Amino acid sequence: MEPADLTVKLLEELRDGQRSQTEELHELRNEMREGRDRADQRFEIIETSLRDLAEQMVMMTRAVKVALES
């Protein structure tokens, strides 16, 4: 095999390897985005639940205060 042929073959292999790594990185980035989106949804649910609980605590505190004043 000629040195030029070996160089071309080596460059083709490097290119193919780079393409493969690029595809893997894109897949990983998409998986990370999906995971972040799921976490965001969970945090929204938790935030809403905590707000509801805080509102309930305020109402209970007011009710107890009114009951004690009576």
N, C-alpha and C. Protein backbone atom coordinates (compact mmCIF):
# COMPACT_ATOMS: atom_id res chain seq x y z
N MET A 1 0.84 -1.17 0.00
CA MET A 1 0.00 0.00 0.00
C MET A 1 0.89 1.25 0.00
N GLU A 2 0.51 2.21 -0.76
CA GLU A 2 1.25 3.46 -0.86
C GLU A 2 1.07 4.28 0.41
N PRO A 3 2.06 5.09 0.78
CA PRO A 3 1.91 5.95 1.96
C PRO A 3 0.71 6.89 1.85
N ALA A 4 0.44 7.38 0.66
CA ALA A 4 -0.71 8.27 0.48
C ALA A 4 -2.00 7.53 0.77
N ASP A 5 -2.07 6.24 0.34
CA ASP A 5 -3.26 5.43 0.60
C ASP A 5 -3.45 5.21 2.11
N LEU A 6 -2.33 4.97 2.81
CA LEU A 6 -2.40 4.79 4.26
C LEU A 6 -2.86 6.07 4.95
N THR A 7 -2.37 7.19 4.47
CA THR A 7 -2.76 8.48 5.04
C THR A 7 -4.25 8.72 4.86
N VAL A 8 -4.73 8.44 3.64
CA VAL A 8 -6.15 8.62 3.35
C VAL A 8 -6.98 7.70 4.23
N LYS A 9 -6.55 6.45 4.34
CA LYS A 9 -7.28 5.49 5.17
C LYS A 9 -7.31 5.94 6.63
N LEU A 10 -6.17 6.39 7.14
CA LEU A 10 -6.10 6.87 8.51
C LEU A 10 -7.01 8.08 8.71
N LEU A 11 -7.00 9.02 7.80
CA LEU A 11 -7.84 10.20 7.90
C LEU A 11 -9.33 9.83 7.84
N GLU A 12 -9.67 8.86 7.01
CA GLU A 12 -11.07 8.41 6.93
C GLU A 12 -11.50 7.78 8.26
N GLU A 13 -10.61 6.98 8.85
CA GLU A 13 -10.93 6.36 10.14
C GLU A 13 -11.09 7.41 11.24
N LEU A 14 -10.22 8.41 11.22
CA LEU A 14 -10.34 9.49 12.19
C LEU A 14 -11.65 10.25 12.01
N ARG A 15 -12.01 10.51 10.76
CA ARG A 15 -13.26 11.21 10.47
C ARG A 15 -14.45 10.40 10.96
N ASP A 16 -14.44 9.12 10.66
CA ASP A 16 -15.55 8.26 11.08
C ASP A 16 -15.65 8.20 12.61
N GLY A 17 -14.50 8.13 13.28
CA GLY A 17 -14.50 8.12 14.73
C GLY A 17 -15.05 9.42 15.29
N GLN A 18 -14.68 10.53 14.67
CA GLN A 18 -15.18 11.83 15.10
C GLN A 18 -16.69 11.91 14.91
N ARG A 19 -17.19 11.43 13.81
CA ARG A 19 -18.64 11.42 13.56
C ARG A 19 -19.37 10.60 14.62
N SER A 20 -18.79 9.46 14.93
CA SER A 20 -19.40 8.59 15.93
C SER A 20 -19.46 9.29 17.29
N GLN A 21 -18.36 9.94 17.67
CA GLN A 21 -18.34 10.66 18.94
C GLN A 21 -19.33 11.81 18.95
N THR A 22 -19.45 12.50 17.84
CA THR A 22 -20.39 13.61 17.73
C THR A 22 -21.83 13.12 17.91
N GLU A 23 -22.15 11.99 17.28
CA GLU A 23 -23.49 11.42 17.43
C GLU A 23 -23.76 11.03 18.87
N GLU A 24 -22.77 10.43 19.52
CA GLU A 24 -22.93 10.04 20.92
C GLU A 24 -23.14 11.26 21.81
N LEU A 25 -22.41 12.33 21.53
CA LEU A 25 -22.58 13.56 22.31
C LEU A 25 -23.97 14.15 22.12
N HIS A 26 -24.48 14.11 20.90
CA HIS A 26 -25.83 14.61 20.64
C HIS A 26 -26.86 13.78 21.41
N GLU A 27 -26.69 12.47 21.40
CA GLU A 27 -27.61 11.60 22.14
C GLU A 27 -27.54 11.90 23.64
N LEU A 28 -26.34 12.06 24.16
CA LEU A 28 -26.17 12.36 25.58
C LEU A 28 -26.80 13.70 25.92
N ARG A 29 -26.60 14.69 25.07
CA ARG A 29 -27.19 16.01 25.31
C ARG A 29 -28.71 15.92 25.34
N ASN A 30 -29.29 15.15 24.43
CA ASN A 30 -30.75 14.99 24.41
C ASN A 30 -31.24 14.29 25.66
N GLU A 31 -30.52 13.26 26.11
CA GLU A 31 -30.90 12.56 27.34
C GLU A 31 -30.83 13.51 28.54
N MET A 32 -29.81 14.35 28.57
CA MET A 32 -29.68 15.30 29.68
C MET A 32 -30.81 16.33 29.65
N ARG A 33 -31.18 16.79 28.47
CA ARG A 33 -32.31 17.73 28.37
C ARG A 33 -33.60 17.09 28.85
N GLU A 34 -33.83 15.84 28.46
CA GLU A 34 -35.03 15.15 28.89
C GLU A 34 -35.04 14.99 30.42
N GLY A 35 -33.89 14.65 30.98
CA GLY A 35 -33.80 14.51 32.43
C GLY A 35 -34.05 15.84 33.14
N ARG A 36 -33.51 16.91 32.57
CA ARG A 36 -33.73 18.23 33.17
C ARG A 36 -35.20 18.62 33.08
N ASP A 37 -35.82 18.32 31.96
CA ASP A 37 -37.25 18.63 31.81
C ASP A 37 -38.09 17.87 32.82
N ARG A 38 -37.77 16.59 33.04
CA ARG A 38 -38.51 15.80 34.03
C ARG A 38 -38.29 16.37 35.44
N ALA A 39 -37.06 16.76 35.73
CA ALA A 39 -36.77 17.34 37.05
C ALA A 39 -37.53 18.66 37.22
N ASP A 40 -37.57 19.46 36.17
CA ASP A 40 -38.33 20.73 36.25
C ASP A 40 -39.80 20.47 36.55
N GLN A 41 -40.37 19.46 35.91
CA GLN A 41 -41.77 19.13 36.15
C GLN A 41 -41.98 18.70 37.61
N ARG A 42 -41.06 17.90 38.12
CA ARG A 42 -41.17 17.44 39.51
C ARG A 42 -41.06 18.62 40.47
N PHE A 43 -40.12 19.52 40.20
CA PHE A 43 -39.96 20.69 41.07
C PHE A 43 -41.19 21.58 41.05
N GLU A 44 -41.83 21.69 39.91
CA GLU A 44 -43.06 22.48 39.84
C GLU A 44 -44.15 21.87 40.72
N ILE A 45 -44.26 20.55 40.68
CA ILE A 45 -45.24 19.86 41.51
C ILE A 45 -44.92 20.06 42.99
N ILE A 46 -43.64 19.93 43.34
CA ILE A 46 -43.23 20.12 44.73
C ILE A 46 -43.49 21.55 45.17
N GLU A 47 -43.16 22.51 44.32
CA GLU A 47 -43.37 23.91 44.67
C GLU A 47 -44.86 24.20 44.91
N THR A 48 -45.70 23.68 44.02
CA THR A 48 -47.14 23.87 44.18
C THR A 48 -47.64 23.24 45.48
N SER A 49 -47.16 22.04 45.77
CA SER A 49 -47.57 21.36 47.00
C SER A 49 -47.14 22.14 48.24
N LEU A 50 -45.92 22.65 48.22
CA LEU A 50 -45.44 23.43 49.37
C LEU A 50 -46.24 24.71 49.55
N ARG A 51 -46.58 25.36 48.46
CA ARG A 51 -47.41 26.56 48.56
C ARG A 51 -48.78 26.23 49.15
N ASP A 52 -49.37 25.13 48.69
CA ASP A 52 -50.67 24.71 49.21
C ASP A 52 -50.59 24.44 50.71
N LEU A 53 -49.53 23.73 51.11
CA LEU A 53 -49.35 23.44 52.53
C LEU A 53 -49.16 24.72 53.34
N ALA A 54 -48.41 25.65 52.81
CA ALA A 54 -48.21 26.92 53.52
C ALA A 54 -49.53 27.67 53.67
N GLU A 55 -50.34 27.68 52.62
CA GLU A 55 -51.65 28.33 52.71
C GLU A 55 -52.53 27.65 53.75
N GLN A 56 -52.49 26.32 53.79
CA GLN A 56 -53.27 25.59 54.78
C GLN A 56 -52.81 25.90 56.20
N MET A 57 -51.51 26.02 56.37
CA MET A 57 -50.98 26.35 57.70
C MET A 57 -51.42 27.74 58.13
N VAL A 58 -51.42 28.68 57.20
CA VAL A 58 -51.88 30.03 57.52
C VAL A 58 -53.35 30.01 57.92
N MET A 59 -54.16 29.27 57.16
CA MET A 59 -55.59 29.20 57.49
C MET A 59 -55.81 28.53 58.84
N MET A 60 -55.05 27.47 59.12
CA MET A 60 -55.19 26.79 60.41
C MET A 60 -54.76 27.70 61.55
N THR A 61 -53.69 28.43 61.35
CA THR A 61 -53.23 29.35 62.39
C THR A 61 -54.28 30.41 62.67
N ARG A 62 -54.86 30.94 61.62
CA ARG A 62 -55.93 31.93 61.80
C ARG A 62 -57.13 31.33 62.52
N ALA A 63 -57.50 30.11 62.14
CA ALA A 63 -58.65 29.46 62.77
C ALA A 63 -58.38 29.21 64.26
N VAL A 64 -57.19 28.76 64.57
CA VAL A 64 -56.85 28.50 65.97
C VAL A 64 -56.83 29.81 66.74
N LYS A 65 -56.28 30.84 66.14
CA LYS A 65 -56.23 32.15 66.80
C LYS A 65 -57.65 32.67 67.09
N VAL A 66 -58.55 32.53 66.12
CA VAL A 66 -59.93 32.97 66.31
C VAL A 66 -60.59 32.14 67.40
N ALA A 67 -60.35 30.83 67.39
CA ALA A 67 -60.95 29.94 68.40
C ALA A 67 -60.44 30.29 69.80
N LEU A 68 -59.18 30.62 69.91
CA LEU A 68 -58.63 30.96 71.23
C LEU A 68 -59.13 32.32 71.72
N GLU A 69 -59.42 33.22 70.79
CA GLU A 69 -59.92 34.53 71.18
C GLU A 69 -61.38 34.48 71.62
N SER A 70 -62.08 33.45 71.22
CA SER A 70 -63.51 33.35 71.56
C SER A 70 -63.74 32.91 72.97
